[in-house]
Amino acid sequence: MKRKILSLLVVLCLVMSSMTCFSWGAGGTGTSYKTAMRKTENYMIKKLSQPGYGDEWYIIGLARGGAAVKDSTYETYYNNLVKEVKKCKGILDKRKYTEYSRVCLAVTAIGKDPRNVGGYNLLKKLADFENVKWQGINGPIWALIALDSDMYKIPTVKSVEVQTTRDLLIKEILDQEIEGGGFSLDGKKPDSDITGMAIQALAGYMNRSDVKTAVGRALTVLSDMQKADGGFDSWGTKNAESNCQVIVGLTALGIDPTKDDRFIRNGKSVLDALLTYYDENSGGFRHVNTSTAGYKPEVNSMATEQGYYTLVAYDRLLGGKRSLYDMTDGKTISKPKKAVILSLKSTKTKTVTIKWKKISGAKGYQIRYAANSKFTGSKTVAASKSSTVKTIKSLKKGKTYYVKVRAYKTDVKGNRIYGSYSTVQRVKVK
């Protein structure tokens, strides 16, 4: 009897094992993201025989993924783009300004300058705030992503009705947040795609309390929207692209979607869900896994380009690289020089005056002082970029104070890049 039960258990285990293997083969979840990325890359390269305007998402993904693409592929794309830009005299579209954002991203990804494409500065289009936001929230989102891709300065264009600024773009996005959190095109019910995109645009501004709070709500909403299989849908349809935008948004924040419990359901992550849309036979991704809303479960161009660059975004996260749209790789703002204190005196009761050497490019200075050499309980005061002297008052009479100074620069997002502190100096207060 025991032998019979044991035999049944063995058979059952074998059956379950076979079912699991079949499930992975049919659903695509048995394929590693690395394999899917490599095969989809090959699929995309074959499709790009004569790349040109309209192939930007393929170009962005391949370039950011470090794909084994011949230099001539990117040169062909760029040359064909220049021809198109010249042909239309720099006007890619009169209303859809996301066209300019997309092209700017592609051009930046291959190391070219969107400020001179066939003699046209495409960033000038993004300086027209009214036209940028004509498409709704989509416009400001992608304009901000494009401008931040290489920390571009927004051109000043006198002829526009409203000059674009980063603050305006951020405000426009935040103003369209749906009550309770999240974003969508219609502004009524949170949509996973648009919410993911909004997070991508805002990720670089988490030092702002308003942005941090809105992104926090968006993450909560996305977590609540996640399905039992780990995936997401949009407008009631489960699809690959919804998973893509969520993953890219999470990676932009430095969140690993396979390890954060907020985005795992029944042991399945949103990355697992995305890989169910991967086509193991051809390479590439399906928009849907079952016939839905006129779509068939077959490899789809949009799903493929998004599926690929999403895997690239995830791979960059694991590799400790900059996020998908942060194309400032190796282009960091240099730190200010080490500050030098020229004099430190106490000429009046309970005060000290510090004078330091002006540092070129500094946006301001920070003075730190304390009544001990270890700077325990220290205090800091600020000085503007034009200052080279600071007087500190209300100090303890007869006490020796230790002082040091450092300069800082700021990037376009307002983040401070500090230089080294000066050599510490001390002075006895009168």
Protein backbone atom coordinates (compact mmCIF):
# COMPACT_ATOMS: atom_id res chain seq x y z
CA MET A 1 0.00 0.00 0.00
CA LYS A 2 2.83 2.39 0.96
CA ARG A 3 4.64 1.52 -2.27
CA LYS A 4 1.47 2.32 -4.28
CA ILE A 5 1.03 5.70 -2.56
CA LEU A 6 4.70 6.52 -3.16
CA SER A 7 4.33 5.68 -6.86
CA LEU A 8 1.28 7.94 -7.14
CA LEU A 9 3.20 10.79 -5.52
CA VAL A 10 6.08 10.39 -7.96
CA VAL A 11 3.69 10.42 -10.92
CA LEU A 12 1.94 13.50 -9.52
CA CYS A 13 5.26 15.33 -9.12
CA LEU A 14 6.21 14.49 -12.71
CA VAL A 15 2.84 15.74 -13.98
CA MET A 16 3.16 19.00 -12.02
CA SER A 17 6.68 19.45 -13.33
CA SER A 18 5.53 18.98 -16.91
CA MET A 19 2.67 21.43 -16.39
CA THR A 20 5.08 24.05 -15.03
CA CYS A 21 7.42 23.70 -17.99
CA PHE A 22 4.50 23.96 -20.39
CA SER A 23 3.25 27.06 -18.64
CA TRP A 24 6.63 28.76 -18.98
CA GLY A 25 6.88 27.83 -22.63
CA ALA A 26 3.40 29.09 -23.47
CA GLY A 27 3.45 32.19 -21.32
CA GLY A 28 7.02 33.23 -21.95
CA THR A 29 7.89 33.51 -18.25
CA GLY A 30 10.50 30.76 -18.59
CA THR A 31 12.70 33.10 -20.64
CA SER A 32 15.16 35.28 -18.75
CA TYR A 33 15.02 39.01 -19.37
CA LYS A 34 18.59 38.85 -20.68
CA THR A 35 17.64 36.31 -23.35
CA ALA A 36 14.53 38.25 -24.30
CA MET A 37 16.54 41.46 -24.54
CA ARG A 38 19.24 39.89 -26.72
CA LYS A 39 16.82 38.21 -29.11
CA THR A 40 14.58 41.26 -29.39
CA GLU A 41 17.68 43.34 -30.09
CA ASN A 42 18.55 41.07 -33.00
CA TYR A 43 14.98 41.24 -34.26
CA MET A 44 15.01 45.05 -34.17
CA ILE A 45 18.40 45.38 -35.87
CA LYS A 46 17.15 43.28 -38.78
CA LYS A 47 14.14 45.60 -39.10
CA LEU A 48 16.37 48.68 -39.34
CA SER A 49 17.78 48.29 -42.82
CA GLN A 50 17.20 51.96 -43.69
CA PRO A 51 16.32 53.76 -40.45
CA GLY A 52 14.96 57.27 -40.59
CA TYR A 53 12.44 59.65 -39.08
CA GLY A 54 9.80 57.55 -37.29
CA ASP A 55 12.24 54.93 -36.00
CA GLU A 56 13.22 56.93 -32.92
CA TRP A 57 12.14 54.42 -30.28
CA TYR A 58 14.13 51.66 -31.94
CA ILE A 59 17.15 53.98 -32.06
CA ILE A 60 16.77 55.10 -28.43
CA GLY A 61 16.48 51.55 -27.13
CA LEU A 62 19.41 50.17 -29.13
CA ALA A 63 21.67 53.11 -28.29
CA ARG A 64 20.88 53.05 -24.58
CA GLY A 65 21.24 49.27 -24.54
CA GLY A 66 24.69 49.43 -26.07
CA ALA A 67 23.50 47.11 -28.80
CA ALA A 68 25.91 45.66 -31.33
CA VAL A 69 24.77 48.08 -34.01
CA LYS A 70 27.09 49.30 -36.75
CA ASP A 71 27.94 52.98 -36.58
CA SER A 72 26.55 53.26 -40.08
CA THR A 73 23.08 52.38 -38.74
CA TYR A 74 22.99 55.45 -36.53
CA GLU A 75 24.59 57.60 -39.23
CA THR A 76 21.98 56.44 -41.73
CA TYR A 77 19.20 57.31 -39.30
CA TYR A 78 20.66 60.73 -38.62
CA ASN A 79 21.29 61.55 -42.27
CA ASN A 80 17.74 60.53 -43.21
CA LEU A 81 16.41 62.58 -40.30
CA VAL A 82 18.35 65.64 -41.47
CA LYS A 83 16.85 65.25 -44.94
CA GLU A 84 13.35 65.13 -43.44
CA VAL A 85 13.96 68.12 -41.17
CA LYS A 86 15.27 70.19 -44.06
CA LYS A 87 12.41 69.09 -46.27
CA CYS A 88 9.79 70.25 -43.77
CA LYS A 89 11.88 73.31 -42.82
CA GLY A 90 12.14 72.24 -39.19
CA ILE A 91 8.39 71.74 -38.72
CA LEU A 92 7.88 68.04 -37.94
CA ASP A 93 4.30 68.68 -36.81
CA LYS A 94 2.33 71.86 -36.25
CA ARG A 95 0.45 70.56 -33.20
CA LYS A 96 1.98 67.33 -31.85
CA TYR A 97 5.06 68.60 -30.10
CA THR A 98 5.86 65.17 -28.69
CA GLU A 99 7.36 64.64 -32.16
CA TYR A 100 10.15 67.05 -31.25
CA SER A 101 10.65 65.48 -27.82
CA ARG A 102 10.98 62.00 -29.32
CA VAL A 103 13.45 63.12 -31.96
CA CYS A 104 15.50 65.07 -29.41
CA LEU A 105 15.80 61.91 -27.30
CA ALA A 106 16.92 59.81 -30.26
CA VAL A 107 19.44 62.38 -31.46
CA THR A 108 20.87 62.73 -27.94
CA ALA A 109 21.05 58.94 -27.53
CA ILE A 110 23.36 58.61 -30.54
CA GLY A 111 25.60 61.48 -29.46
CA LYS A 112 24.26 64.15 -31.79
CA ASP A 113 23.01 67.62 -30.89
CA PRO A 114 19.27 68.38 -31.21
CA ARG A 115 20.16 72.08 -31.26
CA ASN A 116 21.56 71.67 -34.75
CA VAL A 117 19.82 69.09 -36.90
CA GLY A 118 20.29 70.18 -40.47
CA GLY A 119 20.67 73.74 -39.22
CA TYR A 120 17.51 73.66 -37.09
CA ASN A 121 17.38 73.89 -33.28
CA LEU A 122 14.61 71.43 -32.41
CA LEU A 123 14.68 72.47 -28.75
CA LYS A 124 13.22 75.83 -29.78
CA LYS A 125 9.91 74.09 -30.40
CA LEU A 126 9.86 72.89 -26.80
CA ALA A 127 10.28 76.51 -25.67
CA ASP A 128 6.69 77.19 -26.77
CA PHE A 129 4.77 76.18 -23.66
CA GLU A 130 1.29 76.65 -25.12
CA ASN A 131 2.02 74.31 -28.02
CA VAL A 132 3.84 71.83 -25.78
CA LYS A 133 0.77 71.40 -23.57
CA TRP A 134 -1.71 71.30 -26.48
CA GLN A 135 -1.66 67.48 -26.37
CA GLY A 136 -2.55 67.49 -22.70
CA ILE A 137 -0.32 66.03 -20.01
CA ASN A 138 1.55 63.96 -22.59
CA GLY A 139 3.24 67.06 -24.01
CA PRO A 140 4.80 68.42 -20.79
CA ILE A 141 5.84 64.93 -19.69
CA TRP A 142 7.89 64.21 -22.78
CA ALA A 143 9.19 67.76 -23.13
CA LEU A 144 10.59 67.54 -19.60
CA ILE A 145 12.11 64.11 -20.26
CA ALA A 146 13.70 65.33 -23.50
CA LEU A 147 15.09 68.54 -21.99
CA ASP A 148 16.50 66.68 -18.99
CA SER A 149 18.05 63.90 -21.10
CA ASP A 150 21.27 65.91 -21.34
CA MET A 151 20.44 68.81 -19.02
CA TYR A 152 19.66 71.08 -21.97
CA LYS A 153 19.10 74.75 -21.36
CA ILE A 154 15.71 75.76 -22.69
CA PRO A 155 16.17 78.27 -25.53
CA THR A 156 14.64 81.72 -25.02
CA VAL A 157 12.25 82.43 -27.88
CA LYS A 158 10.73 85.92 -27.83
CA SER A 159 8.00 85.14 -30.36
CA VAL A 160 6.20 82.52 -28.22
CA GLU A 161 3.17 83.43 -26.13
CA VAL A 162 4.47 81.67 -23.01
CA GLN A 163 8.14 80.77 -22.59
CA THR A 164 8.65 77.21 -21.34
CA THR A 165 10.49 76.72 -18.06
CA ARG A 166 11.10 73.53 -16.14
CA ASP A 167 8.98 74.87 -13.29
CA LEU A 168 6.07 75.41 -15.69
CA LEU A 169 6.37 71.88 -17.05
CA ILE A 170 6.47 70.37 -13.56
CA LYS A 171 3.55 72.51 -12.41
CA GLU A 172 1.50 71.50 -15.44
CA ILE A 173 2.08 67.82 -14.71
CA LEU A 174 1.33 68.16 -11.01
CA ASP A 175 -1.78 70.25 -11.67
CA GLN A 176 -3.20 67.36 -13.69
CA GLU A 177 -2.83 64.83 -10.89
CA ILE A 178 -6.12 63.04 -10.29
CA GLU A 179 -7.65 63.36 -6.83
CA GLY A 180 -6.23 60.53 -4.75
CA GLY A 181 -3.16 60.19 -6.95
CA GLY A 182 -2.11 59.08 -10.42
CA PHE A 183 -2.46 60.57 -13.89
CA SER A 184 -4.33 59.95 -17.13
CA LEU A 185 -5.08 61.59 -20.45
CA ASP A 186 -8.72 62.31 -19.60
CA GLY A 187 -7.99 63.39 -16.02
CA LYS A 188 -10.75 61.21 -14.64
CA LYS A 189 -9.39 57.80 -13.69
CA PRO A 190 -5.71 56.94 -13.13
CA ASP A 191 -4.11 55.15 -16.06
CA SER A 192 -1.04 52.98 -15.56
CA ASP A 193 0.68 54.12 -18.77
CA ILE A 194 0.39 57.86 -18.15
CA THR A 195 1.10 57.48 -14.45
CA GLY A 196 4.28 55.57 -15.28
CA MET A 197 5.31 58.24 -17.79
CA ALA A 198 4.63 61.05 -15.31
CA ILE A 199 6.89 59.32 -12.78
CA GLN A 200 9.61 59.08 -15.43
CA ALA A 201 9.45 62.83 -16.00
CA LEU A 202 9.34 63.73 -12.30
CA ALA A 203 11.93 61.23 -11.07
CA GLY A 204 14.76 63.74 -11.24
CA TYR A 205 12.96 66.22 -9.00
CA MET A 206 12.43 64.15 -5.88
CA ASN A 207 14.27 66.86 -3.94
CA ARG A 208 11.07 68.92 -4.26
CA SER A 209 8.48 68.16 -1.61
CA ASP A 210 5.53 68.66 -3.97
CA VAL A 211 6.99 66.23 -6.48
CA LYS A 212 7.98 63.67 -3.83
CA THR A 213 4.47 63.71 -2.39
CA ALA A 214 2.77 63.34 -5.80
CA VAL A 215 5.10 60.52 -6.86
CA GLY A 216 4.42 58.77 -3.55
CA ARG A 217 0.69 58.88 -4.24
CA ALA A 218 1.27 57.67 -7.80
CA LEU A 219 3.22 54.65 -6.55
CA THR A 220 0.43 53.77 -4.15
CA VAL A 221 -2.13 54.03 -6.94
CA LEU A 222 -0.04 51.85 -9.25
CA SER A 223 0.39 49.25 -6.54
CA ASP A 224 -3.38 49.15 -6.07
CA MET A 225 -3.90 48.81 -9.83
CA GLN A 226 -1.61 45.81 -10.25
CA LYS A 227 -3.38 42.60 -11.26
CA ALA A 228 -3.14 39.18 -9.66
CA ASP A 229 -0.66 38.02 -12.34
CA GLY A 230 1.65 40.96 -11.62
CA GLY A 231 0.62 42.88 -14.74
CA PHE A 232 -1.19 46.09 -15.57
CA ASP A 233 -3.86 47.10 -18.02
CA SER A 234 -5.00 50.28 -19.72
CA TRP A 235 -8.59 51.09 -20.58
CA GLY A 236 -9.58 47.62 -19.43
CA THR A 237 -7.14 45.75 -21.69
CA LYS A 238 -4.10 43.88 -20.40
CA ASN A 239 -1.17 44.76 -22.63
CA ALA A 240 2.61 44.78 -22.76
CA GLU A 241 3.03 48.55 -22.96
CA SER A 242 1.28 49.26 -19.67
CA ASN A 243 3.79 47.04 -17.91
CA CYS A 244 6.59 48.80 -19.79
CA GLN A 245 5.74 52.30 -18.62
CA VAL A 246 5.40 51.17 -15.01
CA ILE A 247 8.77 49.41 -15.08
CA VAL A 248 10.57 52.34 -16.71
CA GLY A 249 9.00 54.66 -14.13
CA LEU A 250 10.13 52.47 -11.23
CA THR A 251 13.67 52.12 -12.56
CA ALA A 252 13.89 55.89 -13.00
CA LEU A 253 13.31 56.10 -9.24
CA GLY A 254 15.92 53.42 -8.59
CA ILE A 255 13.27 50.86 -7.62
CA ASP A 256 13.82 47.22 -8.60
CA PRO A 257 10.35 46.02 -9.70
CA THR A 258 11.29 42.39 -8.99
CA LYS A 259 12.14 43.04 -5.35
CA ASP A 260 9.71 45.70 -4.18
CA ASP A 261 6.76 44.01 -2.45
CA ARG A 262 4.45 46.82 -3.59
CA PHE A 263 4.76 45.52 -7.15
CA ILE A 264 4.64 41.77 -6.66
CA ARG A 265 1.42 39.77 -6.68
CA ASN A 266 1.25 36.05 -5.90
CA GLY A 267 5.01 35.81 -6.38
CA LYS A 268 4.81 37.48 -9.83
CA SER A 269 6.44 40.83 -10.53
CA VAL A 270 5.50 43.32 -13.22
CA LEU A 271 8.64 42.18 -15.09
CA ASP A 272 7.34 38.61 -15.03
CA ALA A 273 4.08 39.90 -16.47
CA LEU A 274 5.88 41.76 -19.26
CA LEU A 275 7.84 38.67 -20.28
CA THR A 276 4.59 36.78 -20.91
CA TYR A 277 4.21 39.04 -23.97
CA TYR A 278 7.63 38.08 -25.32
CA ASP A 279 7.53 35.92 -28.46
CA GLU A 280 10.17 33.21 -28.10
CA ASN A 281 10.00 32.19 -31.74
CA SER A 282 10.65 35.47 -33.54
CA GLY A 283 11.93 37.72 -30.78
CA GLY A 284 9.86 40.79 -30.13
CA PHE A 285 6.75 41.46 -28.07
CA ARG A 286 3.02 41.10 -28.52
CA HIS A 287 0.65 43.93 -27.60
CA VAL A 288 -1.83 41.40 -26.19
CA ASN A 289 -1.73 37.70 -25.36
CA THR A 290 -5.29 37.02 -26.46
CA SER A 291 -7.32 38.63 -29.26
CA THR A 292 -8.65 41.84 -27.71
CA ALA A 293 -10.10 45.08 -29.06
CA GLY A 294 -9.10 44.28 -32.63
CA TYR A 295 -5.56 43.22 -31.72
CA LYS A 296 -4.23 39.74 -32.37
CA PRO A 297 -1.62 38.00 -30.18
CA GLU A 298 1.22 38.57 -32.63
CA VAL A 299 4.47 40.54 -32.58
CA ASN A 300 3.67 44.22 -32.66
CA SER A 301 6.10 47.06 -33.49
CA MET A 302 5.04 49.37 -30.65
CA ALA A 303 5.06 46.58 -28.08
CA THR A 304 8.46 45.44 -29.32
CA GLU A 305 10.17 48.82 -29.14
CA GLN A 306 8.71 49.50 -25.70
CA GLY A 307 9.39 45.98 -24.47
CA TYR A 308 13.01 46.24 -25.53
CA TYR A 309 13.80 49.64 -24.07
CA THR A 310 12.07 48.55 -20.86
CA LEU A 311 14.41 45.58 -20.53
CA VAL A 312 17.27 47.98 -21.23
CA ALA A 313 16.02 50.26 -18.43
CA TYR A 314 15.91 47.31 -16.03
CA ASP A 315 19.32 46.09 -17.13
CA ARG A 316 20.79 49.55 -16.59
CA LEU A 317 19.34 49.61 -13.08
CA LEU A 318 20.95 46.28 -12.21
CA GLY A 319 24.23 47.46 -13.73
CA GLY A 320 24.28 50.62 -11.63
CA LYS A 321 24.05 52.83 -14.73
CA ARG A 322 22.08 56.03 -15.23
CA SER A 323 18.39 55.58 -15.96
CA LEU A 324 17.05 55.08 -19.49
CA TYR A 325 16.48 58.75 -20.31
CA ASP A 326 19.35 60.19 -18.27
CA MET A 327 21.83 60.49 -21.12
CA THR A 328 24.40 62.55 -19.22
CA ASP A 329 26.61 59.46 -18.95
CA GLY A 330 30.10 60.69 -18.29
CA LYS A 331 28.98 64.31 -18.57
CA THR A 332 28.86 65.49 -14.98
CA ILE A 333 29.12 69.05 -13.73
CA SER A 334 32.58 69.59 -12.30
CA LYS A 335 32.81 70.34 -8.61
CA PRO A 336 33.85 73.84 -7.53
CA LYS A 337 37.46 74.25 -6.48
CA LYS A 338 38.43 73.87 -2.84
CA ALA A 339 37.64 77.06 -0.96
CA VAL A 340 40.37 79.17 0.57
CA ILE A 341 39.84 81.37 3.63
CA LEU A 342 41.79 84.62 3.25
CA SER A 343 41.14 85.94 6.74
CA LEU A 344 39.21 85.16 9.91
CA LYS A 345 38.96 87.93 12.49
CA SER A 346 36.96 89.01 15.51
CA THR A 347 37.01 92.79 15.60
CA LYS A 348 33.72 93.30 17.42
CA THR A 349 32.22 91.71 20.51
CA LYS A 350 30.57 88.31 19.93
CA THR A 351 31.20 88.41 16.16
CA VAL A 352 33.64 86.97 13.65
CA THR A 353 34.17 87.97 10.03
CA ILE A 354 35.28 85.46 7.40
CA LYS A 355 36.75 86.46 4.09
CA TRP A 356 37.40 83.90 1.36
CA LYS A 357 38.68 83.73 -2.19
CA LYS A 358 36.04 83.99 -4.90
CA ILE A 359 35.58 80.77 -6.87
CA SER A 360 34.72 80.91 -10.57
CA GLY A 361 31.39 79.28 -11.46
CA ALA A 362 30.19 79.02 -7.86
CA LYS A 363 26.49 79.60 -7.28
CA GLY A 364 26.94 80.19 -3.56
CA TYR A 365 28.91 79.34 -0.45
CA GLN A 366 28.30 77.49 2.80
CA ILE A 367 30.10 78.50 6.00
CA ARG A 368 30.23 75.98 8.81
CA TYR A 369 31.33 76.88 12.33
CA ALA A 370 31.52 75.30 15.78
CA ALA A 371 33.06 75.79 19.21
CA ASN A 372 35.17 72.61 18.81
CA SER A 373 37.54 71.21 16.22
CA LYS A 374 35.34 68.16 15.58
CA PHE A 375 32.46 70.47 14.59
CA THR A 376 30.08 68.76 17.00
CA GLY A 377 26.86 70.76 17.18
CA SER A 378 28.05 72.93 14.32
CA LYS A 379 25.92 75.50 12.53
CA THR A 380 25.94 76.63 8.91
CA VAL A 381 25.19 79.90 7.20
CA ALA A 382 24.89 80.65 3.52
CA ALA A 383 26.39 83.32 1.30
CA SER A 384 25.45 84.31 -2.23
CA LYS A 385 27.68 83.79 -5.25
CA SER A 386 28.65 87.45 -5.26
CA SER A 387 29.80 87.39 -1.62
CA THR A 388 33.30 86.81 -0.37
CA VAL A 389 32.74 88.06 3.18
CA LYS A 390 30.41 86.92 5.94
CA THR A 391 29.93 88.17 9.49
CA ILE A 392 28.55 85.79 12.09
CA LYS A 393 26.97 87.33 15.17
CA SER A 394 25.68 86.26 18.61
CA LEU A 395 28.69 84.06 19.41
CA LYS A 396 29.99 83.35 22.89
CA LYS A 397 32.42 85.96 24.16
CA GLY A 398 35.94 84.66 24.79
CA LYS A 399 35.21 81.33 23.10
CA THR A 400 37.40 79.89 20.34
CA TYR A 401 35.49 79.02 17.17
CA TYR A 402 36.52 76.79 14.27
CA VAL A 403 35.41 77.76 10.77
CA LYS A 404 35.50 76.28 7.27
CA VAL A 405 33.96 77.28 3.93
CA ARG A 406 32.94 75.45 0.76
CA ALA A 407 31.44 76.53 -2.55
CA TYR A 408 28.69 74.88 -4.57
CA LYS A 409 27.31 74.79 -8.09
CA THR A 410 23.79 73.79 -9.17
CA ASP A 411 22.54 71.72 -12.07
CA VAL A 412 19.38 72.62 -14.02
CA LYS A 413 17.26 70.72 -11.51
CA GLY A 414 18.52 72.78 -8.61
CA ASN A 415 20.62 70.02 -7.06
CA ARG A 416 23.77 71.30 -5.34
CA ILE A 417 27.24 70.02 -6.20
CA TYR A 418 29.58 70.93 -3.36
CA GLY A 419 33.32 71.49 -3.54
CA SER A 420 35.75 70.58 -0.76
CA TYR A 421 35.82 72.50 2.48
CA SER A 422 38.65 74.92 3.04
CA THR A 423 41.36 74.22 5.58
CA VAL A 424 39.87 74.79 9.02
CA GLN A 425 40.81 78.02 10.74
CA ARG A 426 40.13 79.17 14.28
CA VAL A 427 39.62 82.46 16.02
CA LYS A 428 38.98 83.63 19.58
CA VAL A 429 35.86 85.77 19.86
CA LYS A 430 36.15 89.17 21.55
